[in-house]
Amino acid sequence: MMSFSERRATLLRILEIETNIKDIEHSKDYIVTRRDLKALEHFGSGGGRITISSPEDLDRTVEVRKNSPELSEYIARYKERMRGDQERLNSLNSEKTKLRAELMSTLVR
């Protein structure tokens, strides 16, 4: 059975994890990267060009043509850019799930 201080430490860690998740999901880089990746992946209707941030420098914009070979290259670079954040989010979410399960198992008994 978990002591009060162990439960408190677990709850504090869960809150810290939730803050870390929120920090990642609300960061400018994550939001811009996710938005531009989605725009590129769903670039089916509209004009022949789309203006997005450069995957290497989000403060610089680039123009991509609809049927150009660069389109799939930009998608791959955006996915690579997001990979680190996604892995970190997955890790934090699994740790949070594990801690919640531990906490709940002590409360049910």
N, C-alpha and C. Protein backbone atom coordinates (compact mmCIF):
# COMPACT_ATOMS: atom_id res chain seq x y z
N MET A 1 0.84 -1.19 0.00
CA MET A 1 0.00 0.00 0.00
C MET A 1 0.88 1.25 0.00
N MET A 2 0.49 2.22 -0.79
CA MET A 2 1.24 3.47 -0.90
C MET A 2 0.97 4.36 0.31
N SER A 3 2.02 4.96 0.80
CA SER A 3 1.84 5.91 1.90
C SER A 3 1.34 7.23 1.32
N PHE A 4 0.93 8.10 2.22
CA PHE A 4 0.43 9.40 1.80
C PHE A 4 1.49 10.16 0.99
N SER A 5 2.72 10.15 1.45
CA SER A 5 3.78 10.89 0.77
C SER A 5 4.08 10.29 -0.61
N GLU A 6 3.96 8.96 -0.75
CA GLU A 6 4.16 8.34 -2.06
C GLU A 6 3.04 8.72 -3.02
N ARG A 7 1.81 8.74 -2.51
CA ARG A 7 0.67 9.15 -3.35
C ARG A 7 0.82 10.61 -3.76
N ARG A 8 1.25 11.43 -2.83
CA ARG A 8 1.45 12.85 -3.11
C ARG A 8 2.53 13.03 -4.18
N ALA A 9 3.64 12.31 -4.05
CA ALA A 9 4.73 12.39 -5.03
C ALA A 9 4.26 11.93 -6.40
N THR A 10 3.45 10.89 -6.43
CA THR A 10 2.91 10.38 -7.70
C THR A 10 2.00 11.42 -8.34
N LEU A 11 1.13 12.02 -7.53
CA LEU A 11 0.23 13.05 -8.06
C LEU A 11 1.00 14.26 -8.58
N LEU A 12 2.03 14.66 -7.86
CA LEU A 12 2.85 15.79 -8.30
C LEU A 12 3.56 15.46 -9.62
N ARG A 13 4.04 14.23 -9.76
CA ARG A 13 4.69 13.82 -10.99
C ARG A 13 3.70 13.83 -12.16
N ILE A 14 2.46 13.37 -11.91
CA ILE A 14 1.43 13.40 -12.95
C ILE A 14 1.16 14.84 -13.38
N LEU A 15 1.08 15.75 -12.43
CA LEU A 15 0.86 17.16 -12.76
C LEU A 15 2.04 17.73 -13.56
N GLU A 16 3.25 17.34 -13.19
CA GLU A 16 4.44 17.78 -13.92
C GLU A 16 4.43 17.25 -15.35
N ILE A 17 4.03 16.00 -15.52
CA ILE A 17 3.94 15.40 -16.85
C ILE A 17 2.91 16.14 -17.69
N GLU A 18 1.74 16.44 -17.10
CA GLU A 18 0.70 17.16 -17.84
C GLU A 18 1.18 18.54 -18.26
N THR A 19 1.95 19.20 -17.41
CA THR A 19 2.52 20.50 -17.75
C THR A 19 3.51 20.37 -18.91
N ASN A 20 4.35 19.34 -18.86
CA ASN A 20 5.31 19.10 -19.95
C ASN A 20 4.60 18.84 -21.27
N ILE A 21 3.53 18.04 -21.23
CA ILE A 21 2.75 17.75 -22.43
C ILE A 21 2.16 19.03 -22.99
N LYS A 22 1.57 19.83 -22.12
CA LYS A 22 0.97 21.10 -22.55
C LYS A 22 2.02 22.04 -23.14
N ASP A 23 3.21 22.08 -22.52
CA ASP A 23 4.29 22.93 -23.03
C ASP A 23 4.68 22.54 -24.45
N ILE A 24 4.77 21.24 -24.71
CA ILE A 24 5.12 20.77 -26.05
C ILE A 24 4.01 21.12 -27.04
N GLU A 25 2.78 20.76 -26.68
CA GLU A 25 1.65 20.93 -27.61
C GLU A 25 1.32 22.40 -27.88
N HIS A 26 1.70 23.29 -26.97
CA HIS A 26 1.40 24.71 -27.16
C HIS A 26 2.62 25.52 -27.61
N SER A 27 3.73 24.84 -27.87
CA SER A 27 4.92 25.58 -28.33
C SER A 27 4.71 26.03 -29.77
N LYS A 28 5.28 27.17 -30.10
CA LYS A 28 5.12 27.75 -31.44
C LYS A 28 5.62 26.78 -32.51
N ASP A 29 6.79 26.18 -32.29
CA ASP A 29 7.36 25.27 -33.29
C ASP A 29 6.45 24.08 -33.54
N TYR A 30 5.91 23.49 -32.48
CA TYR A 30 5.05 22.32 -32.63
C TYR A 30 3.77 22.69 -33.39
N ILE A 31 3.18 23.82 -33.03
CA ILE A 31 1.93 24.24 -33.67
C ILE A 31 2.15 24.53 -35.15
N VAL A 32 3.21 25.27 -35.48
CA VAL A 32 3.49 25.61 -36.88
C VAL A 32 3.81 24.35 -37.68
N THR A 33 4.63 23.48 -37.11
CA THR A 33 5.00 22.25 -37.81
C THR A 33 3.78 21.38 -38.07
N ARG A 34 2.94 21.20 -37.06
CA ARG A 34 1.73 20.37 -37.23
C ARG A 34 0.78 20.99 -38.25
N ARG A 35 0.60 22.31 -38.19
CA ARG A 35 -0.30 23.00 -39.12
C ARG A 35 0.20 22.86 -40.56
N ASP A 36 1.50 23.11 -40.78
CA ASP A 36 2.03 23.05 -42.14
C ASP A 36 2.05 21.62 -42.68
N LEU A 37 2.35 20.65 -41.82
CA LEU A 37 2.31 19.25 -42.26
C LEU A 37 0.91 18.86 -42.69
N LYS A 38 -0.08 19.26 -41.91
CA LYS A 38 -1.47 18.95 -42.25
C LYS A 38 -1.86 19.64 -43.57
N ALA A 39 -1.42 20.87 -43.75
CA ALA A 39 -1.72 21.60 -44.99
C ALA A 39 -1.11 20.89 -46.20
N LEU A 40 0.13 20.42 -46.04
CA LEU A 40 0.78 19.72 -47.15
C LEU A 40 0.11 18.38 -47.45
N GLU A 41 -0.26 17.65 -46.42
CA GLU A 41 -0.88 16.33 -46.61
C GLU A 41 -2.27 16.44 -47.22
N HIS A 42 -2.96 17.54 -47.00
CA HIS A 42 -4.32 17.71 -47.52
C HIS A 42 -4.37 18.76 -48.62
N PHE A 43 -3.29 18.88 -49.35
CA PHE A 43 -3.15 19.88 -50.39
C PHE A 43 -3.77 19.36 -51.68
N GLY A 44 -5.08 19.14 -51.67
CA GLY A 44 -5.74 18.57 -52.83
C GLY A 44 -6.55 19.59 -53.61
N SER A 45 -7.15 20.53 -52.91
CA SER A 45 -8.00 21.49 -53.59
C SER A 45 -7.34 22.87 -53.53
N GLY A 46 -7.87 23.77 -54.30
CA GLY A 46 -7.32 25.12 -54.29
C GLY A 46 -6.31 25.33 -55.39
N GLY A 47 -5.51 26.35 -55.22
CA GLY A 47 -4.54 26.74 -56.25
C GLY A 47 -3.42 25.75 -56.42
N GLY A 48 -2.53 26.08 -57.31
CA GLY A 48 -1.43 25.18 -57.62
C GLY A 48 -0.23 25.34 -56.71
N ARG A 49 -0.25 26.33 -55.81
CA ARG A 49 0.87 26.56 -54.91
C ARG A 49 0.37 26.73 -53.48
N ILE A 50 1.26 26.41 -52.56
CA ILE A 50 0.94 26.60 -51.15
C ILE A 50 2.17 27.25 -50.49
N THR A 51 1.92 28.20 -49.61
CA THR A 51 3.00 28.86 -48.89
C THR A 51 3.03 28.31 -47.47
N ILE A 52 4.19 27.79 -47.08
CA ILE A 52 4.36 27.20 -45.75
C ILE A 52 5.67 27.70 -45.16
N SER A 53 5.90 27.39 -43.91
CA SER A 53 7.19 27.68 -43.27
C SER A 53 8.19 26.63 -43.72
N SER A 54 9.43 27.03 -43.82
CA SER A 54 10.48 26.09 -44.19
C SER A 54 10.70 25.11 -43.03
N PRO A 55 10.82 23.82 -43.29
CA PRO A 55 11.02 22.86 -42.20
C PRO A 55 12.33 23.11 -41.43
N GLU A 56 13.31 23.69 -42.08
CA GLU A 56 14.59 23.95 -41.41
C GLU A 56 14.56 25.23 -40.59
N ASP A 57 13.79 26.24 -41.03
CA ASP A 57 13.71 27.53 -40.36
C ASP A 57 12.27 28.00 -40.42
N LEU A 58 11.54 27.82 -39.34
CA LEU A 58 10.10 28.10 -39.33
C LEU A 58 9.79 29.59 -39.50
N ASP A 59 10.78 30.45 -39.37
CA ASP A 59 10.56 31.88 -39.55
C ASP A 59 10.65 32.30 -41.01
N ARG A 60 11.07 31.39 -41.87
CA ARG A 60 11.21 31.65 -43.30
C ARG A 60 10.11 30.88 -44.03
N THR A 61 9.52 31.51 -45.05
CA THR A 61 8.45 30.83 -45.79
C THR A 61 8.98 30.36 -47.14
N VAL A 62 8.35 29.29 -47.63
CA VAL A 62 8.66 28.75 -48.95
C VAL A 62 7.35 28.48 -49.68
N GLU A 63 7.43 28.47 -50.98
CA GLU A 63 6.27 28.18 -51.80
C GLU A 63 6.47 26.83 -52.48
N VAL A 64 5.47 25.97 -52.40
CA VAL A 64 5.56 24.63 -52.96
C VAL A 64 4.45 24.46 -53.98
N ARG A 65 4.79 23.90 -55.12
CA ARG A 65 3.78 23.62 -56.15
C ARG A 65 3.09 22.30 -55.84
N LYS A 66 1.83 22.20 -56.23
CA LYS A 66 1.00 21.05 -55.92
C LYS A 66 1.60 19.73 -56.39
N ASN A 67 2.03 19.62 -57.62
CA ASN A 67 2.50 18.34 -58.16
C ASN A 67 4.01 18.27 -58.28
N SER A 68 4.72 19.05 -57.48
CA SER A 68 6.19 19.07 -57.59
C SER A 68 6.80 17.94 -56.77
N PRO A 69 8.01 17.51 -57.13
CA PRO A 69 8.69 16.48 -56.34
C PRO A 69 9.05 16.98 -54.93
N GLU A 70 9.15 18.29 -54.77
CA GLU A 70 9.49 18.85 -53.46
C GLU A 70 8.37 18.62 -52.44
N LEU A 71 7.14 18.46 -52.90
CA LEU A 71 6.02 18.30 -51.99
C LEU A 71 6.23 17.12 -51.05
N SER A 72 6.53 15.95 -51.60
CA SER A 72 6.74 14.78 -50.74
C SER A 72 8.01 14.93 -49.91
N GLU A 73 8.99 15.63 -50.44
CA GLU A 73 10.23 15.89 -49.69
C GLU A 73 9.94 16.76 -48.46
N TYR A 74 9.12 17.80 -48.64
CA TYR A 74 8.75 18.66 -47.51
C TYR A 74 7.94 17.88 -46.47
N ILE A 75 7.03 17.03 -46.93
CA ILE A 75 6.24 16.23 -45.99
C ILE A 75 7.16 15.35 -45.16
N ALA A 76 8.12 14.70 -45.80
CA ALA A 76 9.06 13.83 -45.07
C ALA A 76 9.88 14.64 -44.07
N ARG A 77 10.32 15.84 -44.45
CA ARG A 77 11.12 16.66 -43.54
C ARG A 77 10.29 17.16 -42.36
N TYR A 78 9.03 17.49 -42.61
CA TYR A 78 8.15 17.89 -41.50
C TYR A 78 7.91 16.73 -40.55
N LYS A 79 7.68 15.54 -41.09
CA LYS A 79 7.46 14.36 -40.24
C LYS A 79 8.69 14.08 -39.39
N GLU A 80 9.88 14.23 -39.98
CA GLU A 80 11.11 14.03 -39.24
C GLU A 80 11.24 15.07 -38.13
N ARG A 81 10.87 16.29 -38.44
CA ARG A 81 10.93 17.37 -37.45
C ARG A 81 9.99 17.08 -36.26
N MET A 82 8.84 16.48 -36.54
CA MET A 82 7.86 16.20 -35.49
C MET A 82 8.18 14.93 -34.71
N ARG A 83 9.01 14.06 -35.26
CA ARG A 83 9.27 12.76 -34.65
C ARG A 83 9.73 12.88 -33.19
N GLY A 84 10.66 13.79 -32.91
CA GLY A 84 11.17 13.95 -31.55
C GLY A 84 10.09 14.35 -30.57
N ASP A 85 9.27 15.33 -30.97
CA ASP A 85 8.17 15.76 -30.10
C ASP A 85 7.16 14.64 -29.89
N GLN A 86 6.85 13.91 -30.96
CA GLN A 86 5.88 12.81 -30.84
C GLN A 86 6.40 11.71 -29.92
N GLU A 87 7.68 11.38 -30.04
CA GLU A 87 8.26 10.36 -29.17
C GLU A 87 8.22 10.82 -27.72
N ARG A 88 8.54 12.08 -27.50
CA ARG A 88 8.50 12.62 -26.13
C ARG A 88 7.07 12.63 -25.58
N LEU A 89 6.10 13.03 -26.41
CA LEU A 89 4.70 13.02 -25.98
C LEU A 89 4.23 11.60 -25.67
N ASN A 90 4.59 10.65 -26.51
CA ASN A 90 4.20 9.25 -26.28
C ASN A 90 4.80 8.74 -24.97
N SER A 91 6.05 9.06 -24.73
CA SER A 91 6.73 8.64 -23.51
C SER A 91 6.06 9.24 -22.28
N LEU A 92 5.77 10.54 -22.34
CA LEU A 92 5.12 11.21 -21.21
C LEU A 92 3.72 10.65 -20.97
N ASN A 93 2.97 10.42 -22.04
CA ASN A 93 1.62 9.87 -21.89
C ASN A 93 1.64 8.45 -21.31
N SER A 94 2.59 7.62 -21.73
CA SER A 94 2.64 6.26 -21.18
C SER A 94 3.06 6.29 -19.72
N GLU A 95 3.98 7.18 -19.36
CA GLU A 95 4.37 7.30 -17.95
C GLU A 95 3.18 7.77 -17.11
N LYS A 96 2.42 8.73 -17.63
CA LYS A 96 1.25 9.24 -16.92
C LYS A 96 0.21 8.13 -16.73
N THR A 97 -0.02 7.33 -17.76
CA THR A 97 -0.98 6.22 -17.68
C THR A 97 -0.54 5.21 -16.63
N LYS A 98 0.75 4.88 -16.62
CA LYS A 98 1.29 3.93 -15.65
C LYS A 98 1.13 4.46 -14.21
N LEU A 99 1.45 5.73 -14.01
CA LEU A 99 1.33 6.33 -12.67
C LEU A 99 -0.12 6.38 -12.21
N ARG A 100 -1.02 6.71 -13.12
CA ARG A 100 -2.45 6.74 -12.76
C ARG A 100 -2.94 5.34 -12.37
N ALA A 101 -2.50 4.34 -13.12
CA ALA A 101 -2.90 2.96 -12.81
C ALA A 101 -2.40 2.56 -11.42
N GLU A 102 -1.13 2.91 -11.12
CA GLU A 102 -0.58 2.61 -9.79
C GLU A 102 -1.39 3.31 -8.70
N LEU A 103 -1.72 4.55 -8.95
CA LEU A 103 -2.48 5.34 -7.99
C LEU A 103 -3.87 4.75 -7.76
N MET A 104 -4.52 4.38 -8.84
CA MET A 104 -5.87 3.82 -8.75
C MET A 104 -5.87 2.46 -8.04
N SER A 105 -4.84 1.66 -8.28
CA SER A 105 -4.81 0.33 -7.65
C SER A 105 -4.67 0.47 -6.13
N THR A 106 -4.02 1.52 -5.67
CA THR A 106 -3.90 1.70 -4.22
C THR A 106 -5.19 2.24 -3.62
N LEU A 107 -5.97 2.96 -4.39
CA LEU A 107 -7.21 3.53 -3.88
C LEU A 107 -8.33 2.50 -3.84
N VAL A 108 -8.30 1.53 -4.73
CA VAL A 108 -9.37 0.52 -4.83
C VAL A 108 -9.31 -0.46 -3.68
N ARG A 109 -8.13 -0.76 -3.21
CA ARG A 109 -7.98 -1.79 -2.17
C ARG A 109 -8.62 -1.45 -0.90
